[in-house]
């Protein structure tokens, strides 16, 4: 099984991002979780780092699409061949049963 990276865009999600990062890291094959803090005014990036994610932070909001692009680029810097799972900061309870129906996977 190839190693998989999860990209999570987040905006003012300090109260939820740790649970999402923890759930993403628990998925089979996931070895990298990248949180892109899109200009949050709370501690989203710091909480994500404490939960074990690589966290990137914008000073101001650029939108979810840009956060996903930046997250995918960060993953590409790690390894261009790995699959990328795109998640949402507050979207679902990550588990192997829902991964097929609620996230998209792009193989690079």
N, C-alpha and C. Protein backbone atom coordinates (compact mmCIF):
# COMPACT_ATOMS: atom_id res chain seq x y z
N UNK A 1 0.85 -1.18 0.00
CA UNK A 1 0.00 0.00 0.00
C UNK A 1 0.89 1.24 0.00
N UNK A 2 0.62 2.19 -0.92
CA UNK A 2 1.43 3.41 -0.93
C UNK A 2 1.11 4.26 0.29
N UNK A 3 2.08 5.05 0.71
CA UNK A 3 1.83 5.99 1.79
C UNK A 3 0.98 7.13 1.25
N UNK A 4 0.11 7.65 2.08
CA UNK A 4 -0.86 8.66 1.68
C UNK A 4 -0.69 9.90 2.54
N UNK A 5 -0.87 11.06 1.93
CA UNK A 5 -0.86 12.33 2.67
C UNK A 5 -2.28 12.88 2.69
N UNK A 6 -2.66 13.48 3.80
CA UNK A 6 -3.97 14.12 3.95
C UNK A 6 -3.74 15.62 4.04
N UNK A 7 -4.49 16.38 3.24
CA UNK A 7 -4.42 17.84 3.26
C UNK A 7 -5.73 18.36 3.84
N UNK A 8 -5.62 19.19 4.87
CA UNK A 8 -6.80 19.72 5.56
C UNK A 8 -6.74 21.25 5.54
N UNK A 9 -7.63 21.91 4.77
CA UNK A 9 -7.71 23.37 4.85
C UNK A 9 -8.49 23.74 6.11
N UNK A 10 -8.08 24.78 6.81
CA UNK A 10 -8.75 25.13 8.06
C UNK A 10 -8.81 26.63 8.24
N UNK A 11 -9.93 27.10 8.78
CA UNK A 11 -10.10 28.52 9.07
C UNK A 11 -10.82 28.63 10.41
N UNK A 12 -10.13 29.16 11.42
CA UNK A 12 -10.68 29.31 12.77
C UNK A 12 -11.25 28.00 13.30
N UNK A 13 -10.43 26.96 13.27
CA UNK A 13 -10.87 25.62 13.69
C UNK A 13 -10.04 25.06 14.84
N UNK A 14 -9.49 25.92 15.68
CA UNK A 14 -8.64 25.45 16.78
C UNK A 14 -9.35 24.44 17.67
N UNK A 15 -10.66 24.58 17.81
CA UNK A 15 -11.39 23.67 18.69
C UNK A 15 -11.65 22.30 18.07
N UNK A 16 -11.47 22.15 16.75
CA UNK A 16 -11.75 20.87 16.08
C UNK A 16 -10.58 20.24 15.36
N UNK A 17 -9.58 21.01 15.03
CA UNK A 17 -8.53 20.52 14.14
C UNK A 17 -7.72 19.38 14.74
N UNK A 18 -7.50 19.36 16.04
CA UNK A 18 -6.72 18.27 16.64
C UNK A 18 -7.42 16.93 16.45
N UNK A 19 -8.72 16.89 16.63
CA UNK A 19 -9.46 15.63 16.45
C UNK A 19 -9.41 15.18 15.00
N UNK A 20 -9.49 16.13 14.07
CA UNK A 20 -9.43 15.78 12.65
C UNK A 20 -8.04 15.25 12.28
N UNK A 21 -6.99 15.91 12.77
CA UNK A 21 -5.62 15.46 12.51
C UNK A 21 -5.41 14.06 13.09
N UNK A 22 -5.84 13.85 14.31
CA UNK A 22 -5.69 12.55 14.96
C UNK A 22 -6.41 11.46 14.18
N UNK A 23 -7.63 11.74 13.73
CA UNK A 23 -8.39 10.76 12.94
C UNK A 23 -7.72 10.48 11.61
N UNK A 24 -7.21 11.52 10.96
CA UNK A 24 -6.53 11.34 9.67
C UNK A 24 -5.27 10.49 9.83
N UNK A 25 -4.50 10.76 10.89
CA UNK A 25 -3.27 9.99 11.12
C UNK A 25 -3.56 8.52 11.41
N UNK A 26 -4.75 8.22 11.89
CA UNK A 26 -5.11 6.84 12.23
C UNK A 26 -5.54 6.02 11.01
N UNK A 27 -5.76 6.67 9.88
CA UNK A 27 -6.15 5.93 8.67
C UNK A 27 -5.01 5.06 8.17
N UNK A 28 -5.31 3.86 7.69
CA UNK A 28 -4.26 3.00 7.14
C UNK A 28 -3.54 3.69 5.98
N UNK A 29 -2.22 3.67 6.01
CA UNK A 29 -1.42 4.23 4.93
C UNK A 29 -1.07 5.70 5.07
N UNK A 30 -1.75 6.42 5.95
CA UNK A 30 -1.49 7.86 6.10
C UNK A 30 -0.22 8.05 6.92
N UNK A 31 0.73 8.76 6.33
CA UNK A 31 1.96 9.05 7.06
C UNK A 31 2.25 10.54 7.16
N UNK A 32 1.50 11.36 6.45
CA UNK A 32 1.69 12.81 6.50
C UNK A 32 0.32 13.47 6.54
N UNK A 33 0.15 14.41 7.47
CA UNK A 33 -1.05 15.23 7.52
C UNK A 33 -0.60 16.68 7.44
N UNK A 34 -1.12 17.41 6.45
CA UNK A 34 -0.78 18.82 6.25
C UNK A 34 -2.03 19.64 6.51
N UNK A 35 -1.95 20.57 7.44
CA UNK A 35 -3.04 21.50 7.70
C UNK A 35 -2.63 22.86 7.16
N UNK A 36 -3.48 23.44 6.33
CA UNK A 36 -3.23 24.79 5.81
C UNK A 36 -4.19 25.73 6.53
N UNK A 37 -3.65 26.52 7.45
CA UNK A 37 -4.42 27.50 8.20
C UNK A 37 -4.57 28.73 7.32
N UNK A 38 -5.79 28.97 6.90
CA UNK A 38 -6.07 30.01 5.90
C UNK A 38 -6.43 31.34 6.55
N UNK A 39 -5.50 31.87 7.35
CA UNK A 39 -5.68 33.19 7.93
C UNK A 39 -6.52 33.21 9.20
N UNK A 40 -6.52 32.12 9.93
CA UNK A 40 -7.32 32.05 11.17
C UNK A 40 -6.88 33.10 12.18
N UNK A 41 -7.84 33.51 13.00
CA UNK A 41 -7.54 34.45 14.09
C UNK A 41 -7.38 33.73 15.41
N UNK A 42 -7.47 32.40 15.38
CA UNK A 42 -7.28 31.61 16.59
C UNK A 42 -6.00 30.79 16.46
N UNK A 43 -5.84 29.80 17.27
CA UNK A 43 -4.61 29.01 17.32
C UNK A 43 -4.66 27.76 16.45
N UNK A 44 -5.38 27.80 15.34
CA UNK A 44 -5.54 26.62 14.48
C UNK A 44 -4.20 25.98 14.12
N UNK A 45 -3.26 26.74 13.61
CA UNK A 45 -1.98 26.18 13.17
C UNK A 45 -1.21 25.57 14.35
N UNK A 46 -1.17 26.24 15.47
CA UNK A 46 -0.45 25.73 16.63
C UNK A 46 -1.07 24.44 17.15
N UNK A 47 -2.39 24.38 17.20
CA UNK A 47 -3.07 23.17 17.66
C UNK A 47 -2.82 22.02 16.69
N UNK A 48 -2.85 22.32 15.39
CA UNK A 48 -2.58 21.29 14.38
C UNK A 48 -1.17 20.72 14.54
N UNK A 49 -0.20 21.59 14.76
CA UNK A 49 1.19 21.14 14.98
C UNK A 49 1.28 20.26 16.23
N UNK A 50 0.63 20.68 17.30
CA UNK A 50 0.65 19.90 18.54
C UNK A 50 0.04 18.52 18.34
N UNK A 51 -0.92 18.42 17.41
CA UNK A 51 -1.57 17.13 17.13
C UNK A 51 -0.74 16.27 16.18
N UNK A 52 0.36 16.83 15.66
CA UNK A 52 1.25 16.05 14.81
C UNK A 52 1.19 16.34 13.33
N UNK A 53 0.50 17.40 12.94
CA UNK A 53 0.42 17.77 11.52
C UNK A 53 1.55 18.72 11.14
N UNK A 54 1.86 18.73 9.86
CA UNK A 54 2.69 19.80 9.30
C UNK A 54 1.71 20.94 9.08
N UNK A 55 1.95 22.09 9.65
CA UNK A 55 1.00 23.19 9.54
C UNK A 55 1.62 24.36 8.79
N UNK A 56 0.88 24.85 7.81
CA UNK A 56 1.26 26.04 7.06
C UNK A 56 0.23 27.10 7.41
N UNK A 57 0.63 28.36 7.45
CA UNK A 57 -0.31 29.40 7.85
C UNK A 57 -0.20 30.63 6.98
N UNK A 58 -1.37 31.08 6.50
CA UNK A 58 -1.47 32.38 5.82
C UNK A 58 -1.81 33.44 6.84
N UNK A 59 -1.33 34.66 6.64
CA UNK A 59 -1.66 35.77 7.52
C UNK A 59 -3.09 36.25 7.29
N UNK A 60 -3.59 36.08 6.06
CA UNK A 60 -4.98 36.45 5.77
C UNK A 60 -5.62 35.36 4.92
N UNK A 61 -6.93 35.36 4.88
CA UNK A 61 -7.69 34.32 4.20
C UNK A 61 -7.56 34.43 2.68
N UNK A 62 -7.28 33.29 2.04
CA UNK A 62 -7.18 33.22 0.58
C UNK A 62 -8.22 32.28 -0.02
N UNK A 63 -8.97 31.57 0.80
CA UNK A 63 -9.99 30.66 0.32
C UNK A 63 -9.56 29.21 0.32
N UNK A 64 -10.56 28.34 0.36
CA UNK A 64 -10.31 26.91 0.46
C UNK A 64 -9.54 26.35 -0.73
N UNK A 65 -9.87 26.79 -1.93
CA UNK A 65 -9.18 26.26 -3.12
C UNK A 65 -7.68 26.55 -3.05
N UNK A 66 -7.31 27.75 -2.68
CA UNK A 66 -5.89 28.08 -2.57
C UNK A 66 -5.23 27.27 -1.47
N UNK A 67 -5.92 27.07 -0.36
CA UNK A 67 -5.37 26.26 0.72
C UNK A 67 -5.12 24.83 0.25
N UNK A 68 -6.02 24.27 -0.55
CA UNK A 68 -5.84 22.92 -1.06
C UNK A 68 -4.65 22.85 -2.03
N UNK A 69 -4.52 23.86 -2.86
CA UNK A 69 -3.39 23.90 -3.80
C UNK A 69 -2.06 23.98 -3.03
N UNK A 70 -2.01 24.85 -2.06
CA UNK A 70 -0.79 25.00 -1.26
C UNK A 70 -0.47 23.71 -0.51
N UNK A 71 -1.50 23.07 0.04
CA UNK A 71 -1.29 21.80 0.73
C UNK A 71 -0.78 20.72 -0.20
N UNK A 72 -1.35 20.64 -1.40
CA UNK A 72 -0.89 19.65 -2.38
C UNK A 72 0.55 19.93 -2.80
N UNK A 73 0.91 21.20 -2.93
CA UNK A 73 2.30 21.54 -3.26
C UNK A 73 3.25 21.14 -2.14
N UNK A 74 2.82 21.30 -0.90
CA UNK A 74 3.65 20.89 0.23
C UNK A 74 3.89 19.38 0.19
N UNK A 75 2.84 18.63 -0.12
CA UNK A 75 2.97 17.18 -0.23
C UNK A 75 3.92 16.83 -1.38
N UNK A 76 3.81 17.54 -2.49
CA UNK A 76 4.68 17.28 -3.64
C UNK A 76 6.14 17.52 -3.30
N UNK A 77 6.40 18.46 -2.40
CA UNK A 77 7.77 18.70 -1.96
C UNK A 77 8.31 17.49 -1.19
N UNK A 78 7.42 16.78 -0.52
CA UNK A 78 7.82 15.59 0.24
C UNK A 78 8.08 14.43 -0.71
N UNK A 79 7.13 14.18 -1.60
CA UNK A 79 7.23 13.03 -2.51
C UNK A 79 6.19 13.19 -3.61
N UNK A 80 6.61 13.38 -4.82
CA UNK A 80 5.69 13.64 -5.94
C UNK A 80 4.83 12.44 -6.33
N UNK A 81 5.16 11.26 -5.88
CA UNK A 81 4.42 10.08 -6.31
C UNK A 81 3.31 9.67 -5.35
N UNK A 82 3.18 10.29 -4.24
CA UNK A 82 2.23 9.81 -3.23
C UNK A 82 0.80 10.28 -3.50
N UNK A 83 -0.19 9.46 -3.13
CA UNK A 83 -1.58 9.89 -3.21
C UNK A 83 -1.85 10.98 -2.18
N UNK A 84 -2.78 11.88 -2.51
CA UNK A 84 -3.16 12.96 -1.61
C UNK A 84 -4.65 12.84 -1.32
N UNK A 85 -5.01 12.74 -0.05
CA UNK A 85 -6.41 12.73 0.36
C UNK A 85 -6.75 14.15 0.78
N UNK A 86 -7.78 14.71 0.17
CA UNK A 86 -8.20 16.06 0.51
C UNK A 86 -9.37 15.99 1.47
N UNK A 87 -9.19 16.58 2.62
CA UNK A 87 -10.20 16.54 3.68
C UNK A 87 -10.71 17.94 3.95
N UNK A 88 -11.58 18.07 4.91
CA UNK A 88 -12.10 19.35 5.35
C UNK A 88 -11.92 19.40 6.86
N UNK A 89 -11.72 20.57 7.41
CA UNK A 89 -11.39 20.66 8.83
C UNK A 89 -12.51 20.19 9.74
N UNK A 90 -13.75 20.22 9.28
CA UNK A 90 -14.87 19.85 10.16
C UNK A 90 -15.86 18.95 9.46
N UNK A 91 -15.38 18.16 8.51
CA UNK A 91 -16.30 17.49 7.60
C UNK A 91 -16.89 16.18 8.07
N UNK A 92 -16.11 15.30 8.62
CA UNK A 92 -16.61 13.96 8.86
C UNK A 92 -15.76 13.25 9.89
N UNK A 93 -16.24 12.11 10.32
CA UNK A 93 -15.47 11.27 11.23
C UNK A 93 -14.60 10.38 10.36
N UNK A 94 -13.33 10.67 10.28
CA UNK A 94 -12.43 9.91 9.43
C UNK A 94 -12.33 8.47 9.93
N UNK A 95 -12.64 7.55 9.05
CA UNK A 95 -12.40 6.14 9.31
C UNK A 95 -12.33 5.43 7.98
N UNK A 96 -11.81 4.24 7.98
CA UNK A 96 -11.59 3.55 6.71
C UNK A 96 -12.90 3.24 5.99
N UNK A 97 -14.02 3.20 6.69
CA UNK A 97 -15.29 2.92 6.05
C UNK A 97 -15.84 4.08 5.25
N UNK A 98 -15.51 5.32 5.62
CA UNK A 98 -16.09 6.46 4.91
C UNK A 98 -15.11 7.11 3.95
N UNK A 99 -13.88 6.68 3.94
CA UNK A 99 -12.88 7.38 3.12
C UNK A 99 -13.24 7.36 1.64
N UNK A 100 -13.83 6.28 1.14
CA UNK A 100 -14.16 6.21 -0.28
C UNK A 100 -15.29 7.16 -0.67
N UNK A 101 -16.23 7.38 0.23
CA UNK A 101 -17.39 8.18 -0.13
C UNK A 101 -17.28 9.66 0.20
N UNK A 102 -16.36 10.04 1.07
CA UNK A 102 -16.37 11.43 1.52
C UNK A 102 -15.10 12.22 1.26
N UNK A 103 -14.12 11.63 0.62
CA UNK A 103 -12.91 12.37 0.27
C UNK A 103 -12.51 12.00 -1.15
N UNK A 104 -11.77 12.87 -1.78
CA UNK A 104 -11.25 12.55 -3.10
C UNK A 104 -9.79 12.19 -2.98
N UNK A 105 -9.35 11.27 -3.83
CA UNK A 105 -7.96 10.85 -3.82
C UNK A 105 -7.37 11.14 -5.18
N UNK A 106 -6.26 11.83 -5.20
CA UNK A 106 -5.55 12.12 -6.44
C UNK A 106 -4.21 11.40 -6.40
N UNK A 107 -3.93 10.58 -7.39
CA UNK A 107 -2.64 9.90 -7.44
C UNK A 107 -1.73 10.70 -8.35
N UNK A 108 -0.57 11.05 -7.83
CA UNK A 108 0.38 11.87 -8.60
C UNK A 108 1.47 10.97 -9.13
